[in-house]
Structure formats: C-alpha cells, structure tokens
C-alpha cells in the first residue's frame, strides 16, 4: 500500500490515536493515504467509525505482532 505518511501512535491510549490521526489527516491531500500504527486495541472500532464519519475510506487493517496497522484514504 502506497502511504504518503506514517503515523506512529504506538503506546498511546484512547483518545490520542484518534486525535493524532485527525491532525495527520489535515496535513495530507484528498486521495492520499495515511498509514497509522497503534497498540491501542480500542482503535480498531474507533478508527473504523471515525473514518466513516469523516468521509474517509479505511482501505485495510491488520494486526502485526500486537501492532494494529490501518491504511486510511483521505476523502
């Protein structure tokens, strides 16, 4: 997946992964992809809901050794 920016939100507890993701999204252009890495298990539901409500597209998510990775396309 070709992400323009990678956000390292590992070790941060809710709501910080969402807060940092929102800020990072403001720094990229529409159609570009943000890659988010977090260890907060709640982020799976939070980022899915946040992406949908913000008009963004959650392209992919995976769990790699306890690190949740998300690829979000800015809408």
PDB file of N, CA and C in Angstrom:
ATOM      1  N   UNK A   1       0.864  -1.177   0.000  1.00  0.00           N
ATOM      2  CA  UNK A   1       0.000   0.000   0.000  1.00  0.00           C
ATOM      3  C   UNK A   1       0.911   1.242   0.000  1.00  0.00           C
ATOM      4  N   UNK A   2       0.590   2.173  -0.831  1.00  0.00           N
ATOM      5  CA  UNK A   2       1.431   3.348  -1.021  1.00  0.00           C
ATOM      6  C   UNK A   2       0.974   4.514  -0.138  1.00  0.00           C
ATOM      7  N   UNK A   3       1.443   4.555   1.100  1.00  0.00           N
ATOM      8  CA  UNK A   3       1.030   5.638   2.002  1.00  0.00           C
ATOM      9  C   UNK A   3       1.979   6.827   1.860  1.00  0.00           C
ATOM     10  N   UNK A   4       1.407   8.016   1.961  1.00  0.00           N
ATOM     11  CA  UNK A   4       2.177   9.253   1.840  1.00  0.00           C
ATOM     12  C   UNK A   4       2.818   9.614   3.175  1.00  0.00           C
ATOM     13  N   UNK A   5       2.220   9.117   4.269  1.00  0.00           N
ATOM     14  CA  UNK A   5       2.681   9.464   5.612  1.00  0.00           C
ATOM     15  C   UNK A   5       2.400   8.301   6.553  1.00  0.00           C
ATOM     16  N   UNK A   6       3.300   8.080   7.512  1.00  0.00           N
ATOM     17  CA  UNK A   6       3.103   7.044   8.530  1.00  0.00           C
ATOM     18  C   UNK A   6       3.013   7.724   9.893  1.00  0.00           C
ATOM     19  N   UNK A   7       1.935   7.439  10.609  1.00  0.00           N
ATOM     20  CA  UNK A   7       1.730   7.990  11.943  1.00  0.00           C
ATOM     21  C   UNK A   7       2.029   6.898  12.970  1.00  0.00           C
ATOM     22  N   UNK A   8       2.985   7.154  13.834  1.00  0.00           N
ATOM     23  CA  UNK A   8       3.325   6.208  14.900  1.00  0.00           C
ATOM     24  C   UNK A   8       2.586   6.621  16.165  1.00  0.00           C
ATOM     25  N   UNK A   9       1.499   5.897  16.469  1.00  0.00           N
ATOM     26  CA  UNK A   9       0.704   6.190  17.661  1.00  0.00           C
ATOM     27  C   UNK A   9       0.813   5.038  18.661  1.00  0.00           C
ATOM     28  N   UNK A  10       1.891   4.267  18.548  1.00  0.00           N
ATOM     29  CA  UNK A  10       2.074   3.135  19.455  1.00  0.00           C
ATOM     30  C   UNK A  10       2.300   3.640  20.883  1.00  0.00           C
ATOM     31  N   UNK A  11       1.680   2.932  21.847  1.00  0.00           N
ATOM     32  CA  UNK A  11       1.839   3.296  23.248  1.00  0.00           C
ATOM     33  C   UNK A  11       0.874   4.365  23.728  1.00  0.00           C
ATOM     34  N   UNK A  12       0.099   4.929  22.812  1.00  0.00           N
ATOM     35  CA  UNK A  12      -0.862   5.969  23.193  1.00  0.00           C
ATOM     36  C   UNK A  12      -2.219   5.337  23.491  1.00  0.00           C
ATOM     37  N   UNK A  13      -2.876   5.838  24.534  1.00  0.00           N
ATOM     38  CA  UNK A  13      -4.202   5.331  24.907  1.00  0.00           C
ATOM     39  C   UNK A  13      -5.282   6.243  24.330  1.00  0.00           C
ATOM     40  N   UNK A  14      -6.466   5.699  24.218  1.00  0.00           N
ATOM     41  CA  UNK A  14      -7.624   6.436  23.738  1.00  0.00           C
ATOM     42  C   UNK A  14      -7.798   7.709  24.569  1.00  0.00           C
ATOM     43  N   UNK A  15      -8.057   8.841  23.979  1.00  0.00           N
ATOM     44  CA  UNK A  15      -8.413   9.094  22.580  1.00  0.00           C
ATOM     45  C   UNK A  15      -7.240   9.556  21.717  1.00  0.00           C
ATOM     46  N   UNK A  16      -6.009   9.457  22.206  1.00  0.00           N
ATOM     47  CA  UNK A  16      -4.871  10.032  21.489  1.00  0.00           C
ATOM     48  C   UNK A  16      -4.640   9.484  20.077  1.00  0.00           C
ATOM     49  N   UNK A  17      -4.807   8.181  19.813  1.00  0.00           N
ATOM     50  CA  UNK A  17      -4.624   7.738  18.425  1.00  0.00           C
ATOM     51  C   UNK A  17      -5.565   8.460  17.445  1.00  0.00           C
ATOM     52  N   UNK A  18      -6.809   8.693  17.865  1.00  0.00           N
ATOM     53  CA  UNK A  18      -7.766   9.404  17.006  1.00  0.00           C
ATOM     54  C   UNK A  18      -7.359  10.868  16.864  1.00  0.00           C
ATOM     55  N   UNK A  19      -6.968  11.487  17.963  1.00  0.00           N
ATOM     56  CA  UNK A  19      -6.559  12.899  17.929  1.00  0.00           C
ATOM     57  C   UNK A  19      -5.371  13.079  16.980  1.00  0.00           C
ATOM     58  N   UNK A  20      -4.383  12.207  17.103  1.00  0.00           N
ATOM     59  CA  UNK A  20      -3.189  12.297  16.235  1.00  0.00           C
ATOM     60  C   UNK A  20      -3.531  11.977  14.778  1.00  0.00           C
ATOM     61  N   UNK A  21      -4.439  11.017  14.570  1.00  0.00           N
ATOM     62  CA  UNK A  21      -4.847  10.668  13.205  1.00  0.00           C
ATOM     63  C   UNK A  21      -5.539  11.844  12.548  1.00  0.00           C
ATOM     64  N   UNK A  22      -6.429  12.490  13.293  1.00  0.00           N
ATOM     65  CA  UNK A  22      -7.152  13.659  12.758  1.00  0.00           C
ATOM     66  C   UNK A  22      -6.169  14.752  12.356  1.00  0.00           C
ATOM     67  N   UNK A  23      -5.184  15.025  13.201  1.00  0.00           N
ATOM     68  CA  UNK A  23      -4.180  16.048  12.920  1.00  0.00           C
ATOM     69  C   UNK A  23      -3.348  15.677  11.688  1.00  0.00           C
ATOM     70  N   UNK A  24      -2.949  14.415  11.597  1.00  0.00           N
ATOM     71  CA  UNK A  24      -2.154  13.954  10.452  1.00  0.00           C
ATOM     72  C   UNK A  24      -2.954  14.030   9.155  1.00  0.00           C
ATOM     73  N   UNK A  25      -4.250  13.757   9.236  1.00  0.00           N
ATOM     74  CA  UNK A  25      -5.105  13.824   8.040  1.00  0.00           C
ATOM     75  C   UNK A  25      -5.186  15.247   7.492  1.00  0.00           C
ATOM     76  N   UNK A  26      -5.110  16.229   8.393  1.00  0.00           N
ATOM     77  CA  UNK A  26      -5.163  17.625   7.964  1.00  0.00           C
ATOM     78  C   UNK A  26      -3.908  18.015   7.179  1.00  0.00           C
ATOM     79  N   UNK A  27      -2.844  17.233   7.318  1.00  0.00           N
ATOM     80  CA  UNK A  27      -1.568  17.545   6.671  1.00  0.00           C
ATOM     81  C   UNK A  27      -1.393  16.888   5.300  1.00  0.00           C
ATOM     82  N   UNK A  28      -2.351  16.038   4.901  1.00  0.00           N
ATOM     83  CA  UNK A  28      -2.237  15.385   3.590  1.00  0.00           C
ATOM     84  C   UNK A  28      -3.384  15.819   2.679  1.00  0.00           C
ATOM     85  N   UNK A  29      -3.233  15.531   1.392  1.00  0.00           N
ATOM     86  CA  UNK A  29      -4.222  15.930   0.388  1.00  0.00           C
ATOM     87  C   UNK A  29      -5.299  14.858   0.223  1.00  0.00           C
ATOM     88  N   UNK A  30      -6.451  15.270  -0.293  1.00  0.00           N
ATOM     89  CA  UNK A  30      -7.540  14.349  -0.595  1.00  0.00           C
ATOM     90  C   UNK A  30      -7.034  13.293  -1.575  1.00  0.00           C
ATOM     91  N   UNK A  31      -7.345  12.042  -1.295  1.00  0.00           N
ATOM     92  CA  UNK A  31      -6.923  10.934  -2.141  1.00  0.00           C
ATOM     93  C   UNK A  31      -5.624  10.287  -1.697  1.00  0.00           C
ATOM     94  N   UNK A  32      -4.880  10.957  -0.822  1.00  0.00           N
ATOM     95  CA  UNK A  32      -3.643  10.383  -0.317  1.00  0.00           C
ATOM     96  C   UNK A  32      -3.949   9.424   0.838  1.00  0.00           C
ATOM     97  N   UNK A  33      -2.991   8.549   1.131  1.00  0.00           N
ATOM     98  CA  UNK A  33      -3.208   7.501   2.143  1.00  0.00           C
ATOM     99  C   UNK A  33      -2.315   7.728   3.356  1.00  0.00           C
ATOM    100  N   UNK A  34      -2.956   7.676   4.525  1.00  0.00           N
ATOM    101  CA  UNK A  34      -2.259   7.767   5.802  1.00  0.00           C
ATOM    102  C   UNK A  34      -2.179   6.365   6.389  1.00  0.00           C
ATOM    103  N   UNK A  35      -0.995   5.985   6.832  1.00  0.00           N
ATOM    104  CA  UNK A  35      -0.791   4.696   7.496  1.00  0.00           C
ATOM    105  C   UNK A  35      -0.651   4.972   8.988  1.00  0.00           C
ATOM    106  N   UNK A  36      -1.467   4.322   9.800  1.00  0.00           N
ATOM    107  CA  UNK A  36      -1.470   4.540  11.246  1.00  0.00           C
ATOM    108  C   UNK A  36      -1.052   3.249  11.948  1.00  0.00           C
ATOM    109  N   UNK A  37      -0.090   3.349  12.878  1.00  0.00           N
ATOM    110  CA  UNK A  37       0.340   2.207  13.702  1.00  0.00           C
ATOM    111  C   UNK A  37      -0.025   2.524  15.146  1.00  0.00           C
ATOM    112  N   UNK A  38      -0.744   1.620  15.807  1.00  0.00           N
ATOM    113  CA  UNK A  38      -1.132   1.827  17.202  1.00  0.00           C
ATOM    114  C   UNK A  38      -1.169   0.496  17.950  1.00  0.00           C
ATOM    115  N   UNK A  39      -1.024   0.578  19.260  1.00  0.00           N
ATOM    116  CA  UNK A  39      -1.138  -0.621  20.098  1.00  0.00           C
ATOM    117  C   UNK A  39      -2.432  -0.588  20.915  1.00  0.00           C
ATOM    118  N   UNK A  40      -3.229   0.466  20.749  1.00  0.00           N
ATOM    119  CA  UNK A  40      -4.499   0.614  21.464  1.00  0.00           C
ATOM    120  C   UNK A  40      -5.559  -0.267  20.799  1.00  0.00           C
ATOM    121  N   UNK A  41      -5.985  -1.323  21.495  1.00  0.00           N
ATOM    122  CA  UNK A  41      -6.953  -2.270  20.927  1.00  0.00           C
ATOM    123  C   UNK A  41      -8.286  -1.601  20.576  1.00  0.00           C
ATOM    124  N   UNK A  42      -8.648  -0.539  21.299  1.00  0.00           N
ATOM    125  CA  UNK A  42      -9.887   0.174  21.015  1.00  0.00           C
ATOM    126  C   UNK A  42      -9.854   0.923  19.694  1.00  0.00           C
ATOM    127  N   UNK A  43      -8.662   1.121  19.165  1.00  0.00           N
ATOM    128  CA  UNK A  43      -8.513   1.868  17.914  1.00  0.00           C
ATOM    129  C   UNK A  43      -9.179   1.162  16.740  1.00  0.00           C
ATOM    130  N   UNK A  44      -9.310  -0.160  16.836  1.00  0.00           N
ATOM    131  CA  UNK A  44      -9.934  -0.910  15.735  1.00  0.00           C
ATOM    132  C   UNK A  44     -11.341  -0.383  15.472  1.00  0.00           C
ATOM    133  N   UNK A  45     -12.148  -0.269  16.524  1.00  0.00           N
ATOM    134  CA  UNK A  45     -13.505   0.266  16.379  1.00  0.00           C
ATOM    135  C   UNK A  45     -13.484   1.777  16.179  1.00  0.00           C
ATOM    136  N   UNK A  46     -12.614   2.462  16.938  1.00  0.00           N
ATOM    137  CA  UNK A  46     -12.571   3.923  16.889  1.00  0.00           C
ATOM    138  C   UNK A  46     -12.185   4.440  15.503  1.00  0.00           C
ATOM    139  N   UNK A  47     -11.115   3.895  14.935  1.00  0.00           N
ATOM    140  CA  UNK A  47     -10.656   4.384  13.630  1.00  0.00           C
ATOM    141  C   UNK A  47     -11.614   4.002  12.504  1.00  0.00           C
ATOM    142  N   UNK A  48     -12.258   2.844  12.631  1.00  0.00           N
ATOM    143  CA  UNK A  48     -13.255   2.438  11.641  1.00  0.00           C
ATOM    144  C   UNK A  48     -14.412   3.430  11.634  1.00  0.00           C
ATOM    145  N   UNK A  49     -14.944   3.732  12.815  1.00  0.00           N
ATOM    146  CA  UNK A  49     -16.067   4.667  12.932  1.00  0.00           C
ATOM    147  C   UNK A  49     -15.660   6.078  12.549  1.00  0.00           C
ATOM    148  N   UNK A  50     -14.481   6.506  12.986  1.00  0.00           N
ATOM    149  CA  UNK A  50     -14.006   7.861  12.691  1.00  0.00           C
ATOM    150  C   UNK A  50     -13.814   8.055  11.188  1.00  0.00           C
ATOM    151  N   UNK A  51     -13.238   7.067  10.530  1.00  0.00           N
ATOM    152  CA  UNK A  51     -13.012   7.151   9.082  1.00  0.00           C
ATOM    153  C   UNK A  51     -14.329   7.332   8.344  1.00  0.00           C
ATOM    154  N   UNK A  52     -15.306   6.509   8.709  1.00  0.00           N
ATOM    155  CA  UNK A  52     -16.615   6.565   8.053  1.00  0.00           C
ATOM    156  C   UNK A  52     -17.294   7.911   8.296  1.00  0.00           C
ATOM    157  N   UNK A  53     -17.297   8.370   9.543  1.00  0.00           N
ATOM    158  CA  UNK A  53     -17.984   9.633   9.866  1.00  0.00           C
ATOM    159  C   UNK A  53     -17.282  10.842   9.262  1.00  0.00           C
ATOM    160  N   UNK A  54     -15.974  10.721   9.016  1.00  0.00           N
ATOM    161  CA  UNK A  54     -15.221  11.840   8.446  1.00  0.00           C
ATOM    162  C   UNK A  54     -15.166  11.843   6.930  1.00  0.00           C
ATOM    163  N   UNK A  55     -15.799  10.844   6.300  1.00  0.00           N
ATOM    164  CA  UNK A  55     -15.806  10.776   4.847  1.00  0.00           C
ATOM    165  C   UNK A  55     -14.533  10.189   4.259  1.00  0.00           C
ATOM    166  N   UNK A  56     -13.764   9.496   5.088  1.00  0.00           N
ATOM    167  CA  UNK A  56     -12.531   8.857   4.631  1.00  0.00           C
ATOM    168  C   UNK A  56     -12.807   7.370   4.384  1.00  0.00           C
ATOM    169  N   UNK A  57     -11.877   6.708   3.716  1.00  0.00           N
ATOM    170  CA  UNK A  57     -12.048   5.294   3.399  1.00  0.00           C
ATOM    171  C   UNK A  57     -10.961   4.466   4.074  1.00  0.00           C
ATOM    172  N   UNK A  58     -11.388   3.553   4.943  1.00  0.00           N
ATOM    173  CA  UNK A  58     -10.453   2.630   5.582  1.00  0.00           C
ATOM    174  C   UNK A  58     -10.183   1.519   4.570  1.00  0.00           C
ATOM    175  N   UNK A  59      -8.995   1.551   3.975  1.00  0.00           N
ATOM    176  CA  UNK A  59      -8.664   0.620   2.899  1.00  0.00           C
ATOM    177  C   UNK A  59      -8.278  -0.760   3.412  1.00  0.00           C
ATOM    178  N   UNK A  60      -7.548  -0.773   4.531  1.00  0.00           N
ATOM    179  CA  UNK A  60      -7.017  -2.043   5.025  1.00  0.00           C
ATOM    180  C   UNK A  60      -6.654  -1.891   6.491  1.00  0.00           C
ATOM    181  N   UNK A  61      -6.748  -2.992   7.222  1.00  0.00           N
ATOM    182  CA  UNK A  61      -6.244  -3.014   8.597  1.00  0.00           C
ATOM    183  C   UNK A  61      -5.681  -4.389   8.871  1.00  0.00           C
ATOM    184  N   UNK A  62      -4.612  -4.425   9.658  1.00  0.00           N
ATOM    185  CA  UNK A  62      -4.021  -5.711  10.019  1.00  0.00           C
ATOM    186  C   UNK A  62      -3.384  -5.608  11.393  1.00  0.00           C
ATOM    187  N   UNK A  63      -3.218  -6.767  12.013  1.00  0.00           N
ATOM    188  CA  UNK A  63      -2.583  -6.874  13.325  1.00  0.00           C
ATOM    189  C   UNK A  63      -1.256  -7.585  13.123  1.00  0.00           C
ATOM    190  N   UNK A  64      -0.168  -6.880  13.364  1.00  0.00           N
ATOM    191  CA  UNK A  64       1.162  -7.448  13.174  1.00  0.00           C
ATOM    192  C   UNK A  64       1.892  -7.457  14.512  1.00  0.00           C
ATOM    193  N   UNK A  65       1.895  -8.629  15.168  1.00  0.00           N
ATOM    194  CA  UNK A  65       2.559  -8.789  16.468  1.00  0.00           C
ATOM    195  C   UNK A  65       2.091  -7.768  17.512  1.00  0.00           C
ATOM    196  N   UNK A  66       0.776  -7.561  17.583  1.00  0.00           N
ATOM    197  CA  UNK A  66       0.224  -6.648  18.575  1.00  0.00           C
ATOM    198  C   UNK A  66       0.171  -5.193  18.149  1.00  0.00           C
ATOM    199  N   UNK A  67       0.702  -4.884  16.973  1.00  0.00           N
ATOM    200  CA  UNK A  67       0.622  -3.520  16.445  1.00  0.00           C
ATOM    201  C   UNK A  67      -0.473  -3.503  15.389  1.00  0.00           C
ATOM    202  N   UNK A  68      -1.501  -2.698  15.652  1.00  0.00           N
ATOM    203  CA  UNK A  68      -2.587  -2.560  14.682  1.00  0.00           C
ATOM    204  C   UNK A  68      -2.161  -1.539  13.642  1.00  0.00           C
ATOM    205  N   UNK A  69      -2.319  -1.909  12.366  1.00  0.00           N
ATOM    206  CA  UNK A  69      -1.944  -1.025  11.275  1.00  0.00           C
ATOM    207  C   UNK A  69      -3.179  -0.733  10.435  1.00  0.00           C
ATOM    208  N   UNK A  70      -3.360   0.535  10.117  1.00  0.00           N
ATOM    209  CA  UNK A  70      -4.520   0.982   9.341  1.00  0.00           C
ATOM    210  C   UNK A  70      -4.037   1.813   8.160  1.00  0.00           C
ATOM    211  N   UNK A  71      -4.681   1.652   7.026  1.00  0.00           N
ATOM    212  CA  UNK A  71      -4.422   2.488   5.863  1.00  0.00           C
ATOM    213  C   UNK A  71      -5.723   3.212   5.550  1.00  0.00           C
ATOM    214  N   UNK A  72      -5.684   4.542   5.680  1.00  0.00           N
ATOM    215  CA  UNK A  72      -6.882   5.360   5.526  1.00  0.00           C
ATOM    216  C   UNK A  72      -6.670   6.351   4.377  1.00  0.00           C
ATOM    217  N   UNK A  73      -7.600   6.305   3.419  1.00  0.00           N
ATOM    218  CA  UNK A  73      -7.552   7.212   2.267  1.00  0.00           C
ATOM    219  C   UNK A  73      -8.377   8.449   2.592  1.00  0.00           C
ATOM    220  N   UNK A  74      -7.768   9.610   2.458  1.00  0.00           N
ATOM    221  CA  UNK A  74      -8.454  10.858   2.799  1.00  0.00           C
ATOM    222  C   UNK A  74      -9.556  11.145   1.783  1.00  0.00           C
ATOM    223  N   UNK A  75     -10.749  11.443   2.316  1.00  0.00           N
ATOM    224  CA  UNK A  75     -11.911  11.738   1.471  1.00  0.00           C
ATOM    225  C   UNK A  75     -12.154  13.212   1.351  1.00  0.00           C
TER     226      UNK A  75
END
